[in-house]
Amino acid sequence: MLLAVSAILTSSPTVVQTHNLEFTFTVLVIRADGKFQIDVTTDLDALALGVGLGANSATLARTLATMPKTALDERLIDLRQFLAEQLVMRFDGAVATMDLDFPEFGTMMNAEVPSYIGLTARFTGVIPERITALTFQADRQFPPVYLTIIDQ
């Protein structure tokens, strides 16, 4: 069972220099089946385009929706790499292997505040057996991080 849990904010070089969010809600679900899920709520459109929080959401969504497929694919690759580098889960000090999905991709264009990629970056993975500690690490670009841990 887990004996220690910590959340760490660190400073490191970044791929996207203009990320400026006021908050980032993060929910870590530890499942009974030995898997975990981390949902990070952030402005994925702004991150993909390298702009700050104050940018017009409708404009960002429209820009991404009308972007040529190859350009959009490049933005998504860069976004995935950025998130994987800046948001890290460790078990007993070892970096966890995580899959990354954008579950709201393409579904929020008609929302009150539109988004093309969505607002949720979902990381999933398997918890190693007999761990004693887990650490969720977010770069300082995401302050403050509100971390909720749910042990199912």
N, C-alpha and C. Protein backbone atom coordinates (compact mmCIF):
# COMPACT_ATOMS: atom_id res chain seq x y z
N MET A 1 0.84 -1.18 0.00
CA MET A 1 0.00 0.00 0.00
C MET A 1 0.88 1.23 0.00
N LEU A 2 0.32 2.35 -0.32
CA LEU A 2 1.08 3.59 -0.40
C LEU A 2 1.38 4.13 0.99
N LEU A 3 2.64 4.43 1.26
CA LEU A 3 3.01 4.97 2.55
C LEU A 3 3.25 6.46 2.50
N ALA A 4 3.59 6.97 1.33
CA ALA A 4 3.87 8.40 1.23
C ALA A 4 3.38 8.91 -0.11
N VAL A 5 2.87 10.12 -0.10
CA VAL A 5 2.39 10.77 -1.31
C VAL A 5 2.92 12.19 -1.28
N SER A 6 3.46 12.65 -2.41
CA SER A 6 3.92 14.03 -2.45
C SER A 6 3.66 14.64 -3.80
N ALA A 7 3.48 15.94 -3.82
CA ALA A 7 3.35 16.71 -5.05
C ALA A 7 4.49 17.71 -5.05
N ILE A 8 5.21 17.77 -6.15
CA ILE A 8 6.38 18.62 -6.24
C ILE A 8 6.22 19.58 -7.40
N LEU A 9 6.58 20.84 -7.17
CA LEU A 9 6.66 21.82 -8.24
C LEU A 9 8.13 22.06 -8.49
N THR A 10 8.55 21.95 -9.75
CA THR A 10 9.96 22.14 -10.08
C THR A 10 10.09 23.18 -11.17
N SER A 11 11.29 23.61 -11.37
CA SER A 11 11.57 24.57 -12.43
C SER A 11 12.52 23.92 -13.42
N SER A 12 12.19 24.03 -14.72
CA SER A 12 13.05 23.47 -15.74
C SER A 12 12.77 24.16 -17.06
N PRO A 13 13.66 24.02 -18.05
CA PRO A 13 13.42 24.62 -19.36
C PRO A 13 12.13 24.09 -19.97
N THR A 14 11.51 24.87 -20.83
CA THR A 14 10.21 24.49 -21.37
C THR A 14 10.17 24.57 -22.88
N VAL A 15 9.26 23.81 -23.44
CA VAL A 15 9.02 23.83 -24.87
C VAL A 15 8.12 25.02 -25.22
N VAL A 16 7.12 25.26 -24.40
CA VAL A 16 6.18 26.35 -24.62
C VAL A 16 6.46 27.43 -23.60
N GLN A 17 6.91 28.60 -24.05
CA GLN A 17 7.33 29.65 -23.14
C GLN A 17 6.19 30.51 -22.61
N THR A 18 5.03 30.53 -23.27
CA THR A 18 4.00 31.49 -22.91
C THR A 18 2.86 30.92 -22.08
N HIS A 19 2.96 29.71 -21.61
CA HIS A 19 1.91 29.11 -20.79
C HIS A 19 1.75 29.90 -19.49
N ASN A 20 0.54 30.44 -19.25
CA ASN A 20 0.33 31.30 -18.10
C ASN A 20 -1.06 31.06 -17.52
N LEU A 21 -1.29 29.92 -16.91
CA LEU A 21 -2.60 29.60 -16.35
C LEU A 21 -2.67 30.03 -14.90
N GLU A 22 -3.85 30.40 -14.45
CA GLU A 22 -4.04 30.79 -13.06
C GLU A 22 -4.14 29.58 -12.14
N PHE A 23 -4.61 28.44 -12.65
CA PHE A 23 -4.74 27.23 -11.85
C PHE A 23 -4.74 26.03 -12.76
N THR A 24 -4.41 24.88 -12.19
CA THR A 24 -4.48 23.61 -12.89
C THR A 24 -5.04 22.57 -11.93
N PHE A 25 -6.27 22.13 -12.18
CA PHE A 25 -6.87 21.09 -11.35
C PHE A 25 -6.37 19.74 -11.82
N THR A 26 -5.91 18.94 -10.88
CA THR A 26 -5.37 17.62 -11.19
C THR A 26 -6.02 16.59 -10.27
N VAL A 27 -6.56 15.54 -10.87
CA VAL A 27 -7.17 14.46 -10.09
C VAL A 27 -6.42 13.17 -10.41
N LEU A 28 -5.87 12.57 -9.37
CA LEU A 28 -5.18 11.29 -9.49
C LEU A 28 -6.09 10.22 -8.90
N VAL A 29 -6.46 9.24 -9.72
CA VAL A 29 -7.29 8.13 -9.25
C VAL A 29 -6.41 6.89 -9.19
N ILE A 30 -6.32 6.31 -7.99
CA ILE A 30 -5.59 5.06 -7.79
C ILE A 30 -6.65 3.97 -7.76
N ARG A 31 -6.66 3.12 -8.77
CA ARG A 31 -7.71 2.11 -8.91
C ARG A 31 -7.36 0.81 -8.20
N ALA A 32 -8.39 0.11 -7.79
CA ALA A 32 -8.22 -1.17 -7.10
C ALA A 32 -7.58 -2.23 -8.01
N ASP A 33 -7.70 -2.05 -9.34
CA ASP A 33 -7.14 -3.03 -10.28
C ASP A 33 -5.65 -2.82 -10.55
N GLY A 34 -5.01 -1.90 -9.80
CA GLY A 34 -3.57 -1.68 -9.96
C GLY A 34 -3.21 -0.67 -11.03
N LYS A 35 -4.19 0.05 -11.54
CA LYS A 35 -3.93 1.07 -12.55
C LYS A 35 -4.18 2.45 -11.95
N PHE A 36 -3.68 3.48 -12.63
CA PHE A 36 -3.94 4.84 -12.20
C PHE A 36 -4.38 5.68 -13.38
N GLN A 37 -5.05 6.77 -13.05
CA GLN A 37 -5.49 7.75 -14.05
C GLN A 37 -5.25 9.13 -13.46
N ILE A 38 -4.64 10.00 -14.25
CA ILE A 38 -4.43 11.38 -13.84
C ILE A 38 -5.11 12.27 -14.86
N ASP A 39 -6.09 13.05 -14.42
CA ASP A 39 -6.75 14.03 -15.29
C ASP A 39 -6.24 15.41 -14.91
N VAL A 40 -5.60 16.07 -15.87
CA VAL A 40 -5.08 17.41 -15.67
C VAL A 40 -5.95 18.36 -16.48
N THR A 41 -6.57 19.32 -15.80
CA THR A 41 -7.43 20.29 -16.47
C THR A 41 -6.61 21.54 -16.76
N THR A 42 -6.48 21.85 -18.04
CA THR A 42 -5.71 23.01 -18.47
C THR A 42 -6.18 23.41 -19.86
N ASP A 43 -5.79 24.58 -20.31
CA ASP A 43 -6.20 25.06 -21.63
C ASP A 43 -5.29 24.45 -22.69
N LEU A 44 -5.68 23.28 -23.19
CA LEU A 44 -4.85 22.55 -24.14
C LEU A 44 -4.70 23.28 -25.47
N ASP A 45 -5.74 24.01 -25.90
CA ASP A 45 -5.64 24.79 -27.14
C ASP A 45 -4.54 25.84 -27.01
N ALA A 46 -4.54 26.56 -25.89
CA ALA A 46 -3.52 27.59 -25.67
C ALA A 46 -2.12 26.98 -25.63
N LEU A 47 -1.98 25.85 -24.94
CA LEU A 47 -0.68 25.18 -24.90
C LEU A 47 -0.23 24.75 -26.28
N ALA A 48 -1.14 24.19 -27.07
CA ALA A 48 -0.79 23.71 -28.41
C ALA A 48 -0.35 24.86 -29.32
N LEU A 49 -0.92 26.03 -29.09
CA LEU A 49 -0.59 27.19 -29.93
C LEU A 49 0.46 28.10 -29.30
N GLY A 50 0.87 27.79 -28.07
CA GLY A 50 1.92 28.57 -27.41
C GLY A 50 1.49 29.96 -27.01
N VAL A 51 0.23 30.12 -26.60
CA VAL A 51 -0.27 31.43 -26.17
C VAL A 51 -0.71 31.36 -24.71
N GLY A 52 -0.93 32.51 -24.09
CA GLY A 52 -1.29 32.58 -22.68
C GLY A 52 -2.77 32.41 -22.43
N LEU A 53 -3.13 32.39 -21.15
CA LEU A 53 -4.49 32.16 -20.71
C LEU A 53 -5.46 33.20 -21.22
N GLY A 54 -5.04 34.43 -21.40
CA GLY A 54 -5.95 35.50 -21.80
C GLY A 54 -6.40 35.45 -23.24
N ALA A 55 -5.89 34.53 -24.02
CA ALA A 55 -6.25 34.46 -25.44
C ALA A 55 -7.71 34.04 -25.61
N ASN A 56 -8.33 34.51 -26.67
CA ASN A 56 -9.73 34.22 -26.96
C ASN A 56 -9.90 32.73 -27.30
N SER A 57 -10.67 32.03 -26.48
CA SER A 57 -10.84 30.58 -26.65
C SER A 57 -11.46 30.21 -27.99
N ALA A 58 -12.44 30.99 -28.44
CA ALA A 58 -13.09 30.70 -29.73
C ALA A 58 -12.10 30.84 -30.87
N THR A 59 -11.24 31.85 -30.80
CA THR A 59 -10.24 32.05 -31.84
C THR A 59 -9.24 30.90 -31.86
N LEU A 60 -8.81 30.48 -30.68
CA LEU A 60 -7.86 29.36 -30.60
C LEU A 60 -8.47 28.08 -31.15
N ALA A 61 -9.71 27.79 -30.75
CA ALA A 61 -10.40 26.58 -31.22
C ALA A 61 -10.56 26.61 -32.73
N ARG A 62 -10.96 27.74 -33.26
CA ARG A 62 -11.16 27.88 -34.70
C ARG A 62 -9.83 27.73 -35.45
N THR A 63 -8.76 28.30 -34.89
CA THR A 63 -7.44 28.19 -35.51
C THR A 63 -7.02 26.73 -35.62
N LEU A 64 -7.20 25.98 -34.54
CA LEU A 64 -6.83 24.56 -34.56
C LEU A 64 -7.74 23.75 -35.48
N ALA A 65 -9.03 24.04 -35.47
CA ALA A 65 -10.00 23.29 -36.27
C ALA A 65 -9.78 23.48 -37.76
N THR A 66 -9.25 24.63 -38.16
CA THR A 66 -9.06 24.92 -39.59
C THR A 66 -7.62 24.72 -40.05
N MET A 67 -6.78 24.28 -39.16
CA MET A 67 -5.37 24.06 -39.47
C MET A 67 -5.23 22.84 -40.38
N PRO A 68 -4.32 22.88 -41.36
CA PRO A 68 -4.07 21.69 -42.17
C PRO A 68 -3.68 20.51 -41.27
N LYS A 69 -4.08 19.30 -41.67
CA LYS A 69 -3.89 18.11 -40.84
C LYS A 69 -2.43 17.92 -40.42
N THR A 70 -1.50 18.12 -41.33
CA THR A 70 -0.09 17.91 -40.98
C THR A 70 0.37 18.92 -39.93
N ALA A 71 -0.08 20.16 -40.04
CA ALA A 71 0.28 21.18 -39.05
C ALA A 71 -0.35 20.87 -37.69
N LEU A 72 -1.61 20.43 -37.71
CA LEU A 72 -2.29 20.06 -36.47
C LEU A 72 -1.60 18.86 -35.82
N ASP A 73 -1.26 17.86 -36.62
CA ASP A 73 -0.56 16.69 -36.09
C ASP A 73 0.76 17.08 -35.42
N GLU A 74 1.49 18.03 -36.02
CA GLU A 74 2.74 18.50 -35.43
C GLU A 74 2.49 19.19 -34.10
N ARG A 75 1.44 20.01 -34.03
CA ARG A 75 1.08 20.69 -32.77
C ARG A 75 0.73 19.66 -31.70
N LEU A 76 -0.01 18.63 -32.07
CA LEU A 76 -0.41 17.60 -31.10
C LEU A 76 0.80 16.80 -30.61
N ILE A 77 1.73 16.50 -31.50
CA ILE A 77 2.96 15.80 -31.11
C ILE A 77 3.74 16.65 -30.12
N ASP A 78 3.89 17.95 -30.44
CA ASP A 78 4.61 18.86 -29.55
C ASP A 78 3.90 18.99 -28.20
N LEU A 79 2.58 19.07 -28.22
CA LEU A 79 1.80 19.18 -26.99
C LEU A 79 1.98 17.94 -26.12
N ARG A 80 1.90 16.77 -26.74
CA ARG A 80 2.09 15.52 -25.99
C ARG A 80 3.49 15.47 -25.36
N GLN A 81 4.49 15.85 -26.12
CA GLN A 81 5.86 15.84 -25.61
C GLN A 81 6.01 16.83 -24.46
N PHE A 82 5.46 18.03 -24.63
CA PHE A 82 5.52 19.05 -23.60
C PHE A 82 4.88 18.55 -22.30
N LEU A 83 3.67 18.02 -22.40
CA LEU A 83 2.96 17.55 -21.21
C LEU A 83 3.69 16.39 -20.55
N ALA A 84 4.23 15.47 -21.35
CA ALA A 84 4.95 14.32 -20.80
C ALA A 84 6.23 14.76 -20.08
N GLU A 85 6.85 15.84 -20.56
CA GLU A 85 8.07 16.34 -19.92
C GLU A 85 7.77 17.15 -18.66
N GLN A 86 6.66 17.86 -18.66
CA GLN A 86 6.37 18.80 -17.57
C GLN A 86 5.49 18.23 -16.46
N LEU A 87 4.81 17.12 -16.73
CA LEU A 87 3.95 16.47 -15.74
C LEU A 87 4.42 15.02 -15.60
N VAL A 88 4.99 14.69 -14.46
CA VAL A 88 5.65 13.40 -14.29
C VAL A 88 5.11 12.69 -13.04
N MET A 89 4.86 11.41 -13.16
CA MET A 89 4.47 10.55 -12.04
C MET A 89 5.64 9.62 -11.75
N ARG A 90 5.98 9.49 -10.48
CA ARG A 90 7.05 8.58 -10.07
C ARG A 90 6.53 7.63 -9.00
N PHE A 91 6.99 6.40 -9.07
CA PHE A 91 6.71 5.40 -8.04
C PHE A 91 8.05 4.99 -7.44
N ASP A 92 8.21 5.23 -6.15
CA ASP A 92 9.48 4.97 -5.46
C ASP A 92 10.66 5.57 -6.23
N GLY A 93 10.47 6.76 -6.76
CA GLY A 93 11.52 7.49 -7.46
C GLY A 93 11.67 7.18 -8.93
N ALA A 94 11.07 6.11 -9.41
CA ALA A 94 11.19 5.72 -10.82
C ALA A 94 10.05 6.35 -11.62
N VAL A 95 10.40 6.95 -12.75
CA VAL A 95 9.40 7.58 -13.61
C VAL A 95 8.45 6.52 -14.15
N ALA A 96 7.16 6.79 -14.02
CA ALA A 96 6.12 5.86 -14.50
C ALA A 96 5.94 6.01 -16.00
N THR A 97 5.69 4.89 -16.66
CA THR A 97 5.30 4.91 -18.06
C THR A 97 3.81 5.23 -18.11
N MET A 98 3.46 6.26 -18.91
CA MET A 98 2.06 6.69 -18.97
C MET A 98 1.62 6.87 -20.41
N ASP A 99 0.38 6.51 -20.67
CA ASP A 99 -0.26 6.84 -21.93
C ASP A 99 -0.96 8.18 -21.75
N LEU A 100 -1.09 8.94 -22.84
CA LEU A 100 -1.73 10.25 -22.78
C LEU A 100 -2.83 10.33 -23.82
N ASP A 101 -3.99 10.78 -23.38
CA ASP A 101 -5.15 10.91 -24.26
C ASP A 101 -5.80 12.26 -23.99
N PHE A 102 -6.52 12.76 -24.99
CA PHE A 102 -7.31 13.98 -24.85
C PHE A 102 -8.77 13.58 -25.05
N PRO A 103 -9.46 13.18 -23.97
CA PRO A 103 -10.80 12.60 -24.10
C PRO A 103 -11.87 13.54 -24.66
N GLU A 104 -11.64 14.84 -24.62
CA GLU A 104 -12.64 15.80 -25.13
C GLU A 104 -12.32 16.28 -26.54
N PHE A 105 -11.29 15.71 -27.15
CA PHE A 105 -10.83 16.17 -28.47
C PHE A 105 -11.99 16.24 -29.47
N GLY A 106 -12.19 17.41 -30.03
CA GLY A 106 -13.21 17.61 -31.07
C GLY A 106 -14.64 17.67 -30.59
N THR A 107 -14.87 17.57 -29.28
CA THR A 107 -16.26 17.52 -28.79
C THR A 107 -16.74 18.82 -28.15
N MET A 108 -15.86 19.81 -28.03
CA MET A 108 -16.23 21.02 -27.29
C MET A 108 -16.32 22.28 -28.16
N MET A 109 -16.42 22.10 -29.47
CA MET A 109 -16.46 23.27 -30.36
C MET A 109 -17.72 24.12 -30.14
N ASN A 110 -18.81 23.51 -29.73
CA ASN A 110 -20.06 24.25 -29.52
C ASN A 110 -20.32 24.56 -28.05
N ALA A 111 -19.34 24.35 -27.21
CA ALA A 111 -19.49 24.65 -25.78
C ALA A 111 -19.54 26.16 -25.58
N GLU A 112 -20.00 26.58 -24.42
CA GLU A 112 -20.07 28.01 -24.10
C GLU A 112 -18.70 28.66 -24.27
N VAL A 113 -17.67 27.99 -23.79
CA VAL A 113 -16.29 28.40 -24.03
C VAL A 113 -15.67 27.30 -24.89
N PRO A 114 -15.60 27.52 -26.21
CA PRO A 114 -15.17 26.45 -27.11
C PRO A 114 -13.70 26.05 -26.93
N SER A 115 -13.43 24.81 -27.25
CA SER A 115 -12.08 24.28 -27.25
C SER A 115 -12.02 23.17 -28.30
N TYR A 116 -10.95 23.12 -29.06
CA TYR A 116 -10.82 22.07 -30.07
C TYR A 116 -10.22 20.80 -29.45
N ILE A 117 -9.12 20.95 -28.73
CA ILE A 117 -8.47 19.79 -28.13
C ILE A 117 -9.18 19.40 -26.83
N GLY A 118 -9.71 20.36 -26.13
CA GLY A 118 -10.40 20.12 -24.87
C GLY A 118 -9.64 20.72 -23.71
N LEU A 119 -10.09 20.40 -22.53
CA LEU A 119 -9.49 20.93 -21.31
C LEU A 119 -8.85 19.85 -20.45
N THR A 120 -8.96 18.58 -20.86
CA THR A 120 -8.46 17.47 -20.04
C THR A 120 -7.36 16.70 -20.76
N ALA A 121 -6.20 16.65 -20.11
CA ALA A 121 -5.12 15.75 -20.54
C ALA A 121 -5.19 14.56 -19.59
N ARG A 122 -5.44 13.37 -20.13
CA ARG A 122 -5.62 12.18 -19.30
C ARG A 122 -4.42 11.24 -19.47
N PHE A 123 -3.72 11.04 -18.37
CA PHE A 123 -2.61 10.10 -18.32
C PHE A 123 -3.10 8.82 -17.65
N THR A 124 -2.69 7.67 -18.16
CA THR A 124 -3.05 6.40 -17.55
C THR A 124 -1.83 5.49 -17.52
N GLY A 125 -1.83 4.56 -16.57
CA GLY A 125 -0.73 3.63 -16.48
C GLY A 125 -1.00 2.58 -15.42
N VAL A 126 0.02 1.76 -15.17
CA VAL A 126 -0.06 0.66 -14.21
C VAL A 126 0.83 0.99 -13.01
N ILE A 127 0.30 0.75 -11.82
CA ILE A 127 1.05 0.98 -10.58
C ILE A 127 1.89 -0.26 -10.29
N PRO A 128 3.20 -0.10 -10.12
CA PRO A 128 4.03 -1.26 -9.78
C PRO A 128 3.61 -1.85 -8.42
N GLU A 129 3.83 -3.14 -8.26
CA GLU A 129 3.48 -3.80 -7.00
C GLU A 129 4.44 -3.37 -5.89
N ARG A 130 3.95 -3.36 -4.68
CA ARG A 130 4.72 -3.10 -3.47
C ARG A 130 5.45 -1.76 -3.46
N ILE A 131 4.85 -0.74 -4.02
CA ILE A 131 5.48 0.57 -3.94
C ILE A 131 5.24 1.16 -2.55
N THR A 132 6.13 2.06 -2.15
CA THR A 132 5.97 2.73 -0.86
C THR A 132 5.67 4.21 -1.00
N ALA A 133 5.91 4.78 -2.18
CA ALA A 133 5.68 6.21 -2.35
C ALA A 133 5.35 6.52 -3.81
N LEU A 134 4.52 7.53 -3.98
CA LEU A 134 4.29 8.06 -5.32
C LEU A 134 4.45 9.56 -5.26
N THR A 135 4.93 10.11 -6.37
CA THR A 135 5.14 11.55 -6.47
C THR A 135 4.57 12.03 -7.79
N PHE A 136 3.76 13.06 -7.75
CA PHE A 136 3.30 13.73 -8.97
C PHE A 136 4.06 15.04 -9.04
N GLN A 137 4.75 15.24 -10.14
CA GLN A 137 5.60 16.42 -10.31
C GLN A 137 5.08 17.26 -11.46
N ALA A 138 4.84 18.54 -11.20
CA ALA A 138 4.39 19.47 -12.23
C ALA A 138 5.36 20.64 -12.29
N ASP A 139 5.75 21.02 -13.49
CA ASP A 139 6.63 22.15 -13.66
C ASP A 139 5.97 23.42 -13.12
N ARG A 140 6.75 24.39 -12.76
CA ARG A 140 6.23 25.65 -12.22
C ARG A 140 5.34 26.41 -13.20
N GLN A 141 5.31 26.01 -14.43
CA GLN A 141 4.41 26.65 -15.40
C GLN A 141 2.95 26.40 -15.08
N PHE A 142 2.67 25.49 -14.18
CA PHE A 142 1.31 25.11 -13.86
C PHE A 142 0.85 25.56 -12.46
N PRO A 143 1.34 26.68 -11.92
CA PRO A 143 0.90 27.03 -10.56
C PRO A 143 -0.47 27.65 -10.54
N PRO A 144 -1.14 27.59 -9.39
CA PRO A 144 -0.95 26.51 -8.44
C PRO A 144 -1.64 25.25 -8.94
N VAL A 145 -1.09 24.13 -8.59
CA VAL A 145 -1.70 22.85 -8.94
C VAL A 145 -2.57 22.42 -7.76
N TYR A 146 -3.84 22.19 -8.02
CA TYR A 146 -4.75 21.66 -7.01
C TYR A 146 -4.85 20.15 -7.25
N LEU A 147 -4.20 19.39 -6.39
CA LEU A 147 -4.11 17.94 -6.56
C LEU A 147 -5.09 17.23 -5.64
N THR A 148 -5.96 16.43 -6.23
CA THR A 148 -6.89 15.59 -5.48
C THR A 148 -6.51 14.14 -5.75
N ILE A 149 -6.38 13.35 -4.69
CA ILE A 149 -6.05 11.94 -4.84
C ILE A 149 -7.23 11.11 -4.37
N ILE A 150 -7.69 10.23 -5.24
CA ILE A 150 -8.81 9.34 -4.93
C ILE A 150 -8.29 7.91 -4.96
N ASP A 151 -8.40 7.22 -3.84
CA ASP A 151 -7.96 5.84 -3.74
C ASP A 151 -9.19 4.95 -3.79
N GLN A 152 -9.38 4.27 -4.91
CA GLN A 152 -10.56 3.41 -5.08
C GLN A 152 -10.23 2.03 -4.59
